[in-house]
Amino acid sequence: MKNLHRILIEITELTSNIETKYPELYRSLDENPITIPTSQHPHMDKVIMEEYLESLKIVLKNYLKEEKIRLSTLKN
């Protein structure tokens, strides 16, 4: 199981990757309900950060899937 420090590093790397390679997706991360805490002062522990990391991965995966479909539609 990963420690909190490693999870934070992965979040930072993934976010940086999204910002660099997919700026249009990066701009929407702030508006994504998955990434917005529901409380004003959320408790950030290892489990929550793992869930956040997984949500980022899912958002990227779905974006890439949709982008692939969009590009294939444009080619036809």
Protein backbone atom coordinates (compact mmCIF):
# COMPACT_ATOMS: atom_id res chain seq x y z
CA MET A 1 0.00 0.00 0.00
CA LYS A 2 1.25 3.49 -0.88
CA ASN A 3 2.11 6.05 1.73
CA LEU A 4 0.61 9.55 1.66
CA HIS A 5 3.81 11.17 0.39
CA ARG A 6 3.92 8.84 -2.63
CA ILE A 7 0.25 9.49 -3.38
CA LEU A 8 0.83 13.25 -3.32
CA ILE A 9 3.77 12.87 -5.68
CA GLU A 10 1.62 10.85 -8.09
CA ILE A 11 -1.15 13.46 -7.94
CA THR A 12 1.36 16.20 -8.69
CA GLU A 13 2.90 14.27 -11.59
CA LEU A 14 -0.46 13.36 -13.09
CA THR A 15 -1.80 16.88 -12.74
CA SER A 16 1.33 18.29 -14.33
CA ASN A 17 1.04 15.79 -17.17
CA ILE A 18 -2.59 16.77 -17.76
CA GLU A 19 -1.70 20.47 -17.64
CA THR A 20 1.10 20.02 -20.19
CA LYS A 21 -0.43 17.53 -22.62
CA TYR A 22 -4.15 18.24 -22.25
CA PRO A 23 -4.60 21.91 -21.26
CA GLU A 24 -8.25 21.86 -22.32
CA LEU A 25 -8.87 19.09 -19.79
CA TYR A 26 -6.76 20.76 -17.13
CA ARG A 27 -8.91 23.90 -17.30
CA SER A 28 -11.98 21.84 -16.53
CA LEU A 29 -10.53 20.04 -13.51
CA ASP A 30 -11.51 22.89 -11.20
CA GLU A 31 -15.11 22.54 -12.33
CA ASN A 32 -15.26 18.78 -12.11
CA PRO A 33 -17.54 17.67 -9.25
CA ILE A 34 -15.30 14.68 -8.59
CA THR A 35 -12.41 16.96 -7.70
CA ILE A 36 -14.28 19.53 -5.60
CA PRO A 37 -14.53 18.80 -1.87
CA THR A 38 -18.05 19.00 -0.50
CA SER A 39 -17.05 20.63 2.79
CA GLN A 40 -15.36 23.95 3.34
CA HIS A 41 -12.47 22.47 5.38
CA PRO A 42 -12.19 18.86 4.21
CA HIS A 43 -10.14 16.35 6.16
CA MET A 44 -7.40 15.15 3.81
CA ASP A 45 -6.13 11.74 4.72
CA LYS A 46 -4.53 8.92 2.80
CA VAL A 47 -7.81 7.34 1.73
CA ILE A 48 -9.23 10.61 0.45
CA MET A 49 -6.07 11.40 -1.47
CA GLU A 50 -6.03 7.91 -3.01
CA GLU A 51 -9.62 8.44 -4.09
CA TYR A 52 -8.70 11.80 -5.57
CA LEU A 53 -5.78 10.25 -7.46
CA GLU A 54 -8.05 7.54 -8.84
CA SER A 55 -10.64 10.13 -9.85
CA LEU A 56 -7.97 12.05 -11.79
CA LYS A 57 -6.97 8.85 -13.56
CA ILE A 58 -10.60 8.14 -14.46
CA VAL A 59 -11.14 11.68 -15.74
CA LEU A 60 -8.05 11.40 -17.94
CA LYS A 61 -8.98 7.95 -19.18
CA ASN A 62 -12.50 9.09 -20.10
CA TYR A 63 -11.17 12.21 -21.78
CA LEU A 64 -8.74 10.18 -23.90
CA LYS A 65 -11.51 7.78 -24.84
CA GLU A 66 -13.83 10.62 -25.88
CA GLU A 67 -11.03 12.36 -27.75
CA LYS A 68 -10.25 9.18 -29.67
CA ILE A 69 -13.91 8.88 -30.67
CA ARG A 70 -14.04 12.55 -31.67
CA LEU A 71 -10.91 12.24 -33.82
CA SER A 72 -12.15 9.10 -35.53
CA THR A 73 -15.42 10.88 -36.32
CA LEU A 74 -13.55 13.81 -37.86
CA LYS A 75 -11.57 11.47 -40.12
CA ASN A 76 -14.74 9.96 -41.57
